[in-house]
């Protein structure tokens, strides 16, 4: 703990300097699983990238003391050594503990446990004035609940205690074929009531064909006919392709046993199915051999690096939204008409249990006079959009309006096209700003500042700068942007920070 305390003391000192100047800063984590463009300045950041250790695993209390930049694969590896595992593990191994807490992360176990932040017992934070404090459900509860989903706009989270559960060797996964969203919801309701299941999600391959995947941990395989299937090795199949082929001609359920780690990170290779669009972009055959040969590029850590460097995120629709069960059928119809791309991910989420009006997760429903439903259905909507910037923005804004009309809520890790007025109406800035004022964070960027796509500024820069205008034309020539992203992925290294200018020193 000594090394941790020294690192936190340094962060507190740096934060205090920024506070004395009322100078905003950004928190640099060393990586990102967001598709938003990074906006770091070397002389205006707090570097927490070295807070990446699992400090303690307590087997008696089934908890882990973890620094915020510990990625999911390192966390799982550390806890499995003690026969334990986090109850909610985000599907990409590079997503960090701090990112999951501050960014509204959920996974296939969230129908049972809720969002990742609800598995956190307490946090240590450096407030925006440099003060070090702790928060939990009983100590500074408004800060504890408010910091979840706040994207680091209330201070710097430096330590978290995670509740763990007993781990087992396999996940016995049952694939239930369904003929549409209504039947999918029927299976989801049935599995939710069965407390023996710990994991639940689904894939819609078309409007009328999908698979609901229900899993339970086990140390023994219940039937000799159940095959063991892995997904993490280069020659293993991609999960969504394997499931589609396995169930293509079946109308009854099928079971497989998947090693626990392979299950938890089953979507890493291929980034669910988003990586297949890279094959289409580069006019590359999409088959098992090319997936094996290009496996290095098909893991999410490398994909995010290439995505940020290429700038192609600005023309791809990356949206995750939670829709109340009552609006799921209407939203599926909307996607079939307006998105017209499959697969679409389904992930039921337990939303009840939040005790603070300061949480950005609850304000959308409260502002519309609605009671937060116990469960909602997450739709993962990912695929290419229009290459015409105006059409792309128009589609995303229409999508956001549809989500709002159904009483749903979108995750803010992706591009957000709300105007500030719309955002304030949805998330109740009055409550959020009162929390920022109480904890001295009003000089920091707000959540809206961090997540917005400023379309007007983009257009103004293009009009006023011939260099930006020419660069936009240059990068619009196929396949220059993609090749640049691949080249940067091969080089590796830090892709978030700009180069340091001579004469500049860290705070």
Protein backbone atom coordinates (compact mmCIF):
# COMPACT_ATOMS: atom_id res chain seq x y z
CA UNK A 1 0.00 0.00 0.00
CA UNK A 2 2.94 2.35 0.49
CA UNK A 3 3.55 2.69 -3.26
CA UNK A 4 -0.17 3.24 -3.80
CA UNK A 5 -0.38 5.91 -1.10
CA UNK A 6 2.63 7.73 -2.56
CA UNK A 7 1.08 7.70 -6.03
CA UNK A 8 -2.24 9.00 -4.68
CA UNK A 9 -0.44 11.71 -2.70
CA UNK A 10 1.22 12.89 -5.92
CA UNK A 11 -2.12 12.94 -7.73
CA UNK A 12 -3.66 14.91 -4.86
CA UNK A 13 -0.83 17.43 -5.02
CA UNK A 14 -1.20 17.88 -8.79
CA UNK A 15 -4.97 18.18 -8.46
CA UNK A 16 -4.55 20.82 -5.77
CA UNK A 17 -2.41 22.90 -8.13
CA UNK A 18 -5.09 22.76 -10.83
CA UNK A 19 -7.72 23.67 -8.25
CA UNK A 20 -5.77 26.71 -7.06
CA UNK A 21 -5.69 27.95 -10.67
CA UNK A 22 -9.28 26.82 -11.37
CA UNK A 23 -7.75 25.15 -14.39
CA UNK A 24 -9.61 22.14 -15.82
CA UNK A 25 -7.77 18.89 -16.46
CA UNK A 26 -8.43 15.48 -17.95
CA UNK A 27 -7.66 12.09 -16.42
CA UNK A 28 -5.25 10.03 -18.51
CA UNK A 29 -5.65 6.28 -18.06
CA UNK A 30 -3.23 5.04 -20.72
CA UNK A 31 -5.92 3.38 -22.85
CA UNK A 32 -9.58 3.70 -23.74
CA UNK A 33 -12.48 1.51 -24.79
CA UNK A 34 -14.52 4.51 -25.86
CA UNK A 35 -15.06 5.39 -29.50
CA UNK A 36 -15.04 9.11 -28.72
CA UNK A 37 -12.10 11.18 -29.94
CA UNK A 38 -9.58 11.86 -27.16
CA UNK A 39 -8.94 15.48 -26.19
CA UNK A 40 -5.85 15.34 -23.99
CA UNK A 41 -3.32 18.14 -23.49
CA UNK A 42 -0.02 17.19 -21.90
CA UNK A 43 0.03 20.15 -19.54
CA UNK A 44 -3.59 19.66 -18.44
CA UNK A 45 -3.90 16.08 -17.35
CA UNK A 46 -3.64 13.85 -14.30
CA UNK A 47 -1.78 10.66 -15.18
CA UNK A 48 -3.24 7.64 -13.39
CA UNK A 49 -1.93 5.07 -15.87
CA UNK A 50 0.37 3.45 -13.28
CA UNK A 51 -2.47 2.76 -10.86
CA UNK A 52 -2.86 -0.69 -12.37
CA UNK A 53 -2.39 -3.18 -9.54
CA UNK A 54 -4.56 -5.66 -7.71
CA UNK A 55 -3.41 -4.87 -4.18
CA UNK A 56 -5.23 -7.58 -2.24
CA UNK A 57 -7.68 -10.43 -2.60
CA UNK A 58 -9.50 -11.19 0.65
CA UNK A 59 -10.76 -14.79 0.48
CA UNK A 60 -12.68 -14.55 3.75
CA UNK A 61 -14.79 -11.58 2.72
CA UNK A 62 -14.59 -12.39 -1.02
CA UNK A 63 -13.35 -8.94 -1.98
CA UNK A 64 -10.54 -7.48 -4.05
CA UNK A 65 -8.77 -4.18 -3.44
CA UNK A 66 -8.02 -2.86 -6.91
CA UNK A 67 -6.52 0.26 -8.48
CA UNK A 68 -8.63 1.85 -11.25
CA UNK A 69 -6.49 0.98 -14.28
CA UNK A 70 -6.50 -2.76 -13.74
CA UNK A 71 -7.95 -4.30 -16.92
CA UNK A 72 -10.53 -7.04 -16.78
CA UNK A 73 -8.20 -9.85 -17.87
CA UNK A 74 -5.65 -8.99 -15.16
CA UNK A 75 -8.40 -8.73 -12.55
CA UNK A 76 -9.87 -12.10 -13.50
CA UNK A 77 -6.45 -13.74 -13.51
CA UNK A 78 -5.67 -12.39 -10.03
CA UNK A 79 -8.98 -13.43 -8.48
CA UNK A 80 -9.12 -16.86 -10.10
CA UNK A 81 -5.93 -17.76 -8.27
CA UNK A 82 -8.10 -17.66 -5.14
CA UNK A 83 -11.09 -19.42 -6.69
CA UNK A 84 -13.04 -16.15 -7.00
CA UNK A 85 -14.27 -13.96 -9.85
CA UNK A 86 -16.04 -10.57 -10.13
CA UNK A 87 -19.79 -11.08 -10.55
CA UNK A 88 -19.83 -8.66 -13.50
CA UNK A 89 -16.92 -8.87 -15.95
CA UNK A 90 -17.01 -6.62 -19.00
CA UNK A 91 -16.69 -8.53 -22.26
CA UNK A 92 -13.49 -6.82 -23.49
CA UNK A 93 -10.33 -7.71 -21.53
CA UNK A 94 -8.90 -4.19 -21.84
CA UNK A 95 -11.81 -2.44 -20.10
CA UNK A 96 -10.56 -1.24 -16.73
CA UNK A 97 -12.12 -1.34 -13.29
CA UNK A 98 -12.22 2.45 -13.11
CA UNK A 99 -13.66 2.71 -16.61
CA UNK A 100 -16.39 0.23 -15.79
CA UNK A 101 -17.28 2.09 -12.60
CA UNK A 102 -17.34 5.57 -14.15
CA UNK A 103 -18.83 4.56 -17.51
CA UNK A 104 -22.00 2.53 -16.82
CA UNK A 105 -20.69 -0.91 -17.77
CA UNK A 106 -22.91 -3.95 -17.93
CA UNK A 107 -22.54 -7.51 -19.15
CA UNK A 108 -24.44 -10.78 -19.42
CA UNK A 109 -24.51 -11.17 -15.62
CA UNK A 110 -26.08 -7.71 -15.21
CA UNK A 111 -29.59 -9.16 -15.37
CA UNK A 112 -28.72 -10.66 -12.00
CA UNK A 113 -26.25 -8.20 -10.42
CA UNK A 114 -26.92 -4.90 -12.17
CA UNK A 115 -24.24 -2.62 -13.59
CA UNK A 116 -20.59 -3.14 -12.72
CA UNK A 117 -20.58 -0.19 -10.31
CA UNK A 118 -23.11 -2.00 -8.11
CA UNK A 119 -20.51 -4.66 -7.33
CA UNK A 120 -18.25 -1.99 -5.80
CA UNK A 121 -18.29 -1.74 -1.99
CA UNK A 122 -16.36 1.51 -1.59
CA UNK A 123 -14.02 3.82 -3.46
CA UNK A 124 -11.11 6.10 -2.65
CA UNK A 125 -11.19 9.42 -4.51
CA UNK A 126 -9.05 12.48 -4.90
CA UNK A 127 -11.61 15.27 -4.99
CA UNK A 128 -11.22 18.12 -7.42
CA UNK A 129 -9.67 20.31 -4.71
CA UNK A 130 -6.95 17.74 -3.95
CA UNK A 131 -8.59 16.25 -0.86
CA UNK A 132 -8.39 12.46 -0.48
CA UNK A 133 -11.61 10.84 0.71
CA UNK A 134 -13.59 7.59 0.72
CA UNK A 135 -17.17 6.95 -0.33
CA UNK A 136 -19.54 4.03 0.03
CA UNK A 137 -23.24 3.33 0.53
CA UNK A 138 -22.91 4.62 4.10
CA UNK A 139 -20.01 7.10 3.88
CA UNK A 140 -20.52 10.03 1.48
CA UNK A 141 -23.21 8.01 -0.32
CA UNK A 142 -24.11 10.87 -2.67
CA UNK A 143 -20.52 10.94 -3.91
CA UNK A 144 -20.40 7.14 -4.16
CA UNK A 145 -23.52 6.86 -6.29
CA UNK A 146 -22.85 10.08 -8.16
CA UNK A 147 -19.33 9.10 -9.17
CA UNK A 148 -20.71 6.03 -10.93
CA UNK A 149 -21.38 6.96 -14.57
CA UNK A 150 -19.84 10.43 -14.04
CA UNK A 151 -16.86 9.84 -16.38
CA UNK A 152 -14.38 11.25 -13.90
CA UNK A 153 -16.06 14.67 -13.63
CA UNK A 154 -16.27 14.62 -9.82
CA UNK A 155 -12.63 13.79 -9.15
CA UNK A 156 -10.11 11.00 -9.59
CA UNK A 157 -11.02 7.50 -8.42
CA UNK A 158 -7.82 5.91 -7.11
CA UNK A 159 -8.93 2.70 -5.39
CA UNK A 160 -11.97 0.42 -5.39
CA UNK A 161 -13.07 -2.58 -3.36
CA UNK A 162 -14.92 -5.11 -5.51
CA UNK A 163 -17.23 -7.78 -4.16
CA UNK A 164 -16.40 -11.22 -5.59
CA UNK A 165 -18.24 -14.51 -5.99
CA UNK A 166 -17.08 -18.13 -6.11
CA UNK A 167 -15.65 -19.11 -9.49
CA UNK A 168 -16.15 -22.43 -11.23
CA UNK A 169 -14.36 -24.12 -14.08
CA UNK A 170 -16.94 -23.86 -16.85
CA UNK A 171 -19.97 -21.94 -17.97
CA UNK A 172 -22.58 -24.38 -19.19
CA UNK A 173 -24.25 -22.33 -21.89
CA UNK A 174 -27.67 -23.13 -23.32
CA UNK A 175 -28.56 -21.67 -26.72
CA UNK A 176 -32.30 -21.05 -27.16
CA UNK A 177 -33.39 -20.35 -30.78
CA UNK A 178 -36.10 -17.65 -31.02
CA UNK A 179 -38.21 -16.38 -33.90
CA UNK A 180 -38.31 -12.71 -32.94
CA UNK A 181 -37.99 -10.17 -30.18
CA UNK A 182 -41.24 -11.21 -28.46
CA UNK A 183 -40.12 -14.82 -28.14
CA UNK A 184 -36.67 -13.59 -27.06
CA UNK A 185 -38.29 -11.66 -24.23
CA UNK A 186 -40.29 -14.71 -23.18
CA UNK A 187 -37.08 -16.73 -22.84
CA UNK A 188 -35.39 -13.85 -21.00
CA UNK A 189 -38.28 -13.64 -18.50
CA UNK A 190 -38.15 -17.40 -17.93
CA UNK A 191 -34.38 -17.50 -17.37
CA UNK A 192 -34.48 -14.43 -15.12
CA UNK A 193 -36.85 -16.24 -12.77
CA UNK A 194 -34.53 -19.26 -12.56
CA UNK A 195 -31.92 -18.32 -9.95
CA UNK A 196 -29.54 -21.08 -11.07
CA UNK A 197 -28.54 -19.01 -14.11
CA UNK A 198 -25.79 -16.39 -13.74
CA UNK A 199 -25.37 -15.22 -17.34
CA UNK A 200 -27.89 -14.14 -19.98
CA UNK A 201 -27.61 -12.35 -23.30
CA UNK A 202 -28.74 -12.76 -26.89
CA UNK A 203 -27.92 -12.19 -30.54
CA UNK A 204 -30.52 -11.29 -33.16
CA UNK A 205 -29.28 -12.43 -36.58
CA UNK A 206 -32.39 -11.02 -38.25
CA UNK A 207 -35.77 -9.67 -37.27
CA UNK A 208 -37.16 -13.19 -37.17
CA UNK A 209 -34.17 -15.23 -36.01
CA UNK A 210 -32.07 -15.02 -32.89
CA UNK A 211 -30.43 -16.93 -30.07
CA UNK A 212 -30.74 -16.35 -26.33
CA UNK A 213 -27.68 -17.59 -24.43
CA UNK A 214 -28.28 -18.63 -20.81
CA UNK A 215 -25.33 -19.75 -18.69
CA UNK A 216 -24.55 -21.17 -15.29
CA UNK A 217 -21.15 -21.81 -13.74
CA UNK A 218 -20.23 -25.41 -13.01
CA UNK A 219 -17.21 -27.52 -12.12
CA UNK A 220 -18.52 -30.63 -13.84
CA UNK A 221 -20.16 -31.13 -17.20
CA UNK A 222 -23.66 -32.49 -16.58
CA UNK A 223 -23.93 -34.60 -19.75
CA UNK A 224 -21.31 -36.57 -21.67
CA UNK A 225 -22.87 -35.32 -24.91
CA UNK A 226 -22.05 -31.69 -24.04
CA UNK A 227 -18.96 -30.55 -25.92
CA UNK A 228 -16.28 -28.20 -24.55
CA UNK A 229 -15.76 -25.16 -26.79
CA UNK A 230 -13.12 -22.43 -26.53
CA UNK A 231 -13.02 -18.94 -28.07
CA UNK A 232 -9.75 -17.23 -27.08
CA UNK A 233 -7.13 -19.01 -29.23
CA UNK A 234 -6.28 -17.82 -32.79
CA UNK A 235 -7.71 -20.97 -34.36
CA UNK A 236 -10.90 -20.94 -32.29
CA UNK A 237 -14.08 -19.68 -33.97
CA UNK A 238 -15.48 -16.22 -33.30
CA UNK A 239 -18.32 -16.60 -30.83
CA UNK A 240 -21.18 -15.11 -32.85
CA UNK A 241 -20.25 -17.09 -35.98
CA UNK A 242 -19.97 -20.32 -34.02
CA UNK A 243 -23.35 -19.83 -32.36
CA UNK A 244 -25.08 -19.08 -35.66
CA UNK A 245 -23.65 -22.19 -37.34
CA UNK A 246 -24.30 -24.43 -34.37
CA UNK A 247 -27.97 -23.44 -34.14
CA UNK A 248 -28.76 -22.75 -37.79
CA UNK A 249 -30.90 -25.85 -38.36
CA UNK A 250 -32.10 -26.32 -34.81
CA UNK A 251 -35.43 -25.37 -33.29
CA UNK A 252 -34.59 -26.80 -29.87
CA UNK A 253 -31.99 -25.72 -27.33
CA UNK A 254 -28.34 -26.80 -27.53
CA UNK A 255 -25.79 -26.87 -24.71
CA UNK A 256 -22.03 -26.36 -24.61
CA UNK A 257 -19.45 -26.10 -21.84
CA UNK A 258 -17.11 -23.13 -22.14
CA UNK A 259 -14.06 -22.58 -19.90
CA UNK A 260 -14.85 -19.60 -17.67
CA UNK A 261 -12.24 -17.18 -19.06
CA UNK A 262 -13.17 -18.10 -22.64
CA UNK A 263 -16.79 -17.31 -21.81
CA UNK A 264 -16.06 -14.00 -20.10
CA UNK A 265 -14.04 -12.74 -23.08
CA UNK A 266 -15.89 -14.60 -25.82
CA UNK A 267 -16.56 -11.38 -27.75
CA UNK A 268 -12.98 -10.05 -27.66
CA UNK A 269 -11.88 -11.62 -30.92
CA UNK A 270 -13.80 -9.67 -33.52
CA UNK A 271 -15.16 -7.10 -31.09
CA UNK A 272 -18.52 -8.91 -31.10
CA UNK A 273 -18.83 -8.73 -34.93
CA UNK A 274 -17.62 -5.20 -35.65
CA UNK A 275 -14.23 -6.42 -36.96
CA UNK A 276 -15.91 -8.10 -39.92
CA UNK A 277 -16.51 -4.62 -41.35
CA UNK A 278 -12.74 -4.18 -41.57
CA UNK A 279 -12.60 -7.16 -43.95
CA UNK A 280 -15.28 -5.54 -46.07
CA UNK A 281 -13.47 -2.18 -45.98
CA UNK A 282 -10.22 -3.72 -47.21
CA UNK A 283 -11.97 -6.03 -49.71
CA UNK A 284 -10.52 -9.04 -47.86
CA UNK A 285 -12.13 -12.49 -47.91
CA UNK A 286 -13.88 -13.21 -44.63
CA UNK A 287 -13.28 -16.84 -43.75
CA UNK A 288 -11.69 -18.98 -41.07
CA UNK A 289 -8.23 -18.85 -42.68
CA UNK A 290 -8.12 -15.03 -42.97
CA UNK A 291 -9.45 -14.69 -39.45
CA UNK A 292 -6.63 -16.94 -38.24
CA UNK A 293 -3.94 -15.10 -40.23
CA UNK A 294 -5.14 -11.67 -39.10
CA UNK A 295 -5.91 -12.69 -35.53
CA UNK A 296 -3.48 -10.13 -34.04
CA UNK A 297 -5.59 -7.28 -35.42
CA UNK A 298 -8.87 -8.83 -34.37
CA UNK A 299 -8.55 -8.32 -30.60
CA UNK A 300 -10.22 -5.29 -29.11
CA UNK A 301 -7.09 -3.66 -27.69
CA UNK A 302 -5.55 -3.48 -31.18
CA UNK A 303 -8.87 -2.65 -32.81
CA UNK A 304 -9.37 0.41 -30.60
CA UNK A 305 -5.87 1.64 -31.41
CA UNK A 306 -6.51 1.32 -35.16
CA UNK A 307 -9.98 2.82 -34.82
CA UNK A 308 -8.73 5.95 -33.06
CA UNK A 309 -5.79 6.44 -35.40
CA UNK A 310 -7.81 5.94 -38.58
CA UNK A 311 -10.67 8.22 -37.54
CA UNK A 312 -13.16 5.73 -39.01
CA UNK A 313 -15.23 5.86 -35.82
CA UNK A 314 -16.73 9.08 -37.16
CA UNK A 315 -18.53 7.12 -39.89
CA UNK A 316 -19.53 4.04 -37.87
CA UNK A 317 -22.63 3.79 -35.72
CA UNK A 318 -21.60 2.64 -32.24
CA UNK A 319 -24.56 2.86 -29.90
CA UNK A 320 -25.67 0.96 -26.80
CA UNK A 321 -29.07 1.78 -25.38
CA UNK A 322 -31.33 0.42 -22.64
CA UNK A 323 -35.01 0.17 -23.61
CA UNK A 324 -37.81 -0.74 -21.16
CA UNK A 325 -39.18 -4.20 -21.92
CA UNK A 326 -42.50 -2.64 -22.94
CA UNK A 327 -40.83 -0.77 -25.80
CA UNK A 328 -38.47 -3.52 -26.99
CA UNK A 329 -40.68 -4.78 -29.83
CA UNK A 330 -41.24 -1.28 -31.20
CA UNK A 331 -37.53 -0.50 -31.00
CA UNK A 332 -36.64 -3.74 -32.80
CA UNK A 333 -39.04 -2.78 -35.58
CA UNK A 334 -37.42 0.64 -35.76
CA UNK A 335 -33.95 -0.88 -36.10
CA UNK A 336 -35.13 -3.28 -38.78
CA UNK A 337 -36.47 -0.36 -40.81
CA UNK A 338 -33.85 2.30 -40.10
CA UNK A 339 -30.61 0.46 -39.23
CA UNK A 340 -31.04 -2.59 -41.47
CA UNK A 341 -27.94 -4.32 -40.18
CA UNK A 342 -27.52 -7.47 -38.16
CA UNK A 343 -26.48 -8.97 -35.78
CA UNK A 344 -27.85 -6.88 -32.92
CA UNK A 345 -26.86 -7.65 -29.34
CA UNK A 346 -29.43 -8.11 -26.58
CA UNK A 347 -28.48 -7.89 -22.93
CA UNK A 348 -31.06 -7.70 -20.13
CA UNK A 349 -30.06 -5.32 -17.33
CA UNK A 350 -31.16 -5.08 -13.73
CA UNK A 351 -31.65 -1.38 -13.07
CA UNK A 352 -33.32 -1.27 -9.65
CA UNK A 353 -31.41 -0.74 -6.44
CA UNK A 354 -29.93 2.71 -7.08
CA UNK A 355 -30.40 4.89 -4.00
CA UNK A 356 -29.21 8.29 -5.16
CA UNK A 357 -30.97 10.92 -7.24
CA UNK A 358 -27.53 12.16 -8.25
CA UNK A 359 -26.86 9.13 -10.43
CA UNK A 360 -26.93 9.82 -14.14
CA UNK A 361 -28.36 6.33 -14.59
CA UNK A 362 -31.65 7.24 -12.94
CA UNK A 363 -32.26 10.85 -13.87
CA UNK A 364 -33.66 10.24 -17.36
CA UNK A 365 -36.61 8.29 -15.98
CA UNK A 366 -37.11 10.56 -12.97
CA UNK A 367 -37.21 13.68 -15.12
CA UNK A 368 -39.94 12.15 -17.29
CA UNK A 369 -41.97 11.29 -14.20
CA UNK A 370 -41.38 7.58 -14.63
CA UNK A 371 -40.48 4.95 -12.09
CA UNK A 372 -37.21 3.28 -13.04
CA UNK A 373 -38.16 -0.20 -14.31
CA UNK A 374 -36.58 -3.17 -12.57
CA UNK A 375 -35.16 -4.42 -15.85
CA UNK A 376 -34.44 -3.02 -19.29
CA UNK A 377 -33.12 -4.57 -22.48
CA UNK A 378 -29.81 -3.34 -23.81
CA UNK A 379 -29.55 -3.18 -27.61
CA UNK A 380 -26.04 -3.14 -29.05
CA UNK A 381 -26.32 -1.30 -32.37
CA UNK A 382 -23.00 -1.34 -34.21
CA UNK A 383 -22.17 -0.99 -37.89
CA UNK A 384 -21.20 1.33 -40.76
CA UNK A 385 -23.13 4.53 -41.20
CA UNK A 386 -23.36 7.04 -44.00
CA UNK A 387 -20.06 8.48 -45.24
CA UNK A 388 -21.91 11.76 -45.70
CA UNK A 389 -21.27 13.59 -42.44
CA UNK A 390 -24.61 15.44 -42.40
CA UNK A 391 -26.56 12.26 -43.07
CA UNK A 392 -24.56 10.41 -40.41
CA UNK A 393 -25.30 13.05 -37.77
CA UNK A 394 -28.96 13.20 -38.79
CA UNK A 395 -29.32 9.41 -38.37
CA UNK A 396 -27.73 9.43 -34.92
CA UNK A 397 -29.89 12.32 -33.74
CA UNK A 398 -33.02 10.55 -34.96
CA UNK A 399 -31.85 7.40 -33.17
CA UNK A 400 -31.39 9.31 -29.91
CA UNK A 401 -34.88 10.80 -30.21
CA UNK A 402 -36.39 7.36 -30.74
CA UNK A 403 -34.64 6.01 -27.66
CA UNK A 404 -35.90 8.91 -25.60
CA UNK A 405 -39.48 8.57 -26.88
CA UNK A 406 -39.54 4.99 -25.60
CA UNK A 407 -38.29 5.99 -22.14
CA UNK A 408 -34.88 4.49 -22.83
CA UNK A 409 -31.38 5.68 -22.14
CA UNK A 410 -28.13 5.47 -24.09
CA UNK A 411 -24.66 4.77 -22.76
CA UNK A 412 -22.36 7.74 -23.07
CA UNK A 413 -19.16 5.88 -23.92
CA UNK A 414 -20.06 6.37 -27.58
CA UNK A 415 -20.76 9.45 -29.71
CA UNK A 416 -23.46 11.71 -28.29
CA UNK A 417 -25.28 14.17 -30.52
CA UNK A 418 -27.66 15.79 -28.03
CA UNK A 419 -27.69 19.53 -27.80
CA UNK A 420 -26.78 20.74 -24.33
CA UNK A 421 -30.39 21.70 -23.69
CA UNK A 422 -31.56 18.18 -24.60
CA UNK A 423 -28.86 16.61 -22.46
CA UNK A 424 -29.82 18.74 -19.46
CA UNK A 425 -33.47 17.76 -19.81
CA UNK A 426 -32.62 14.07 -19.96
CA UNK A 427 -30.03 13.91 -17.18
CA UNK A 428 -31.18 16.65 -14.80
CA UNK A 429 -28.12 18.84 -14.59
CA UNK A 430 -29.46 20.62 -11.51
CA UNK A 431 -28.88 17.56 -9.33
CA UNK A 432 -25.59 16.73 -11.00
CA UNK A 433 -24.26 20.29 -10.74
CA UNK A 434 -25.20 20.50 -7.06
CA UNK A 435 -23.01 17.48 -6.46
CA UNK A 436 -20.14 19.02 -8.42
CA UNK A 437 -20.46 22.18 -6.36
CA UNK A 438 -20.48 20.29 -3.06
CA UNK A 439 -17.31 18.42 -3.98
CA UNK A 440 -15.46 21.38 -5.55
CA UNK A 441 -15.60 20.06 -9.13
CA UNK A 442 -17.34 22.90 -10.96
CA UNK A 443 -14.14 23.93 -12.74
CA UNK A 444 -13.76 20.48 -14.32
CA UNK A 445 -15.29 19.53 -17.67
CA UNK A 446 -18.86 18.28 -17.23
CA UNK A 447 -20.11 14.97 -18.52
CA UNK A 448 -21.66 16.77 -21.47
CA UNK A 449 -18.36 18.50 -22.23
CA UNK A 450 -16.65 15.10 -22.33
CA UNK A 451 -19.16 13.14 -24.40
CA UNK A 452 -20.65 15.62 -26.87
CA UNK A 453 -19.96 15.67 -30.58
CA UNK A 454 -19.72 19.36 -31.44
CA UNK A 455 -20.96 19.29 -35.03
CA UNK A 456 -21.09 23.09 -35.37
CA UNK A 457 -17.43 23.44 -34.33
CA UNK A 458 -16.44 20.70 -36.78
CA UNK A 459 -18.11 22.52 -39.65
CA UNK A 460 -16.71 25.88 -38.57
CA UNK A 461 -13.15 24.51 -38.48
CA UNK A 462 -13.53 23.11 -41.98
CA UNK A 463 -14.82 26.45 -43.27
CA UNK A 464 -12.12 28.51 -41.60
CA UNK A 465 -9.09 26.24 -42.02
CA UNK A 466 -8.04 25.15 -45.49
CA UNK A 467 -5.65 22.62 -43.93
CA UNK A 468 -8.47 20.84 -42.09
CA UNK A 469 -10.57 20.99 -45.25
CA UNK A 470 -7.80 19.41 -47.33
CA UNK A 471 -7.11 16.77 -44.68
CA UNK A 472 -10.79 15.83 -44.63
CA UNK A 473 -10.67 15.31 -48.40
CA UNK A 474 -7.38 13.37 -48.15
CA UNK A 475 -8.62 11.01 -45.44
CA UNK A 476 -11.85 10.52 -47.34
CA UNK A 477 -9.93 8.75 -50.13
CA UNK A 478 -10.24 4.97 -49.72
CA UNK A 479 -8.33 3.22 -48.15
CA UNK A 480 -5.90 5.81 -46.74
CA UNK A 481 -7.54 6.17 -43.32
CA UNK A 482 -7.76 2.42 -42.83
CA UNK A 483 -4.16 1.82 -43.89
CA UNK A 484 -2.97 4.52 -41.51
CA UNK A 485 -4.87 2.89 -38.67
CA UNK A 486 -3.35 -0.52 -39.46
CA UNK A 487 0.15 0.98 -39.63
CA UNK A 488 -0.29 2.62 -36.23
CA UNK A 489 -1.64 -0.63 -34.81
CA UNK A 490 1.52 -2.40 -35.98
CA UNK A 491 3.71 0.27 -34.40
CA UNK A 492 1.79 0.09 -31.12
CA UNK A 493 2.68 2.57 -28.40
CA UNK A 494 0.62 5.37 -26.90
CA UNK A 495 -2.14 6.54 -29.21
CA UNK A 496 -3.97 8.93 -26.89
CA UNK A 497 -1.42 11.61 -26.04
CA UNK A 498 -0.17 14.26 -28.44
CA UNK A 499 3.57 14.65 -28.77
CA UNK A 500 5.17 16.83 -26.15
CA UNK A 501 6.29 20.19 -27.47
CA UNK A 502 9.74 21.38 -26.56
CA UNK A 503 9.84 23.57 -23.48
CA UNK A 504 6.66 22.06 -21.99
CA UNK A 505 6.88 20.53 -18.55
CA UNK A 506 4.46 18.45 -16.55
CA UNK A 507 2.60 20.05 -13.68
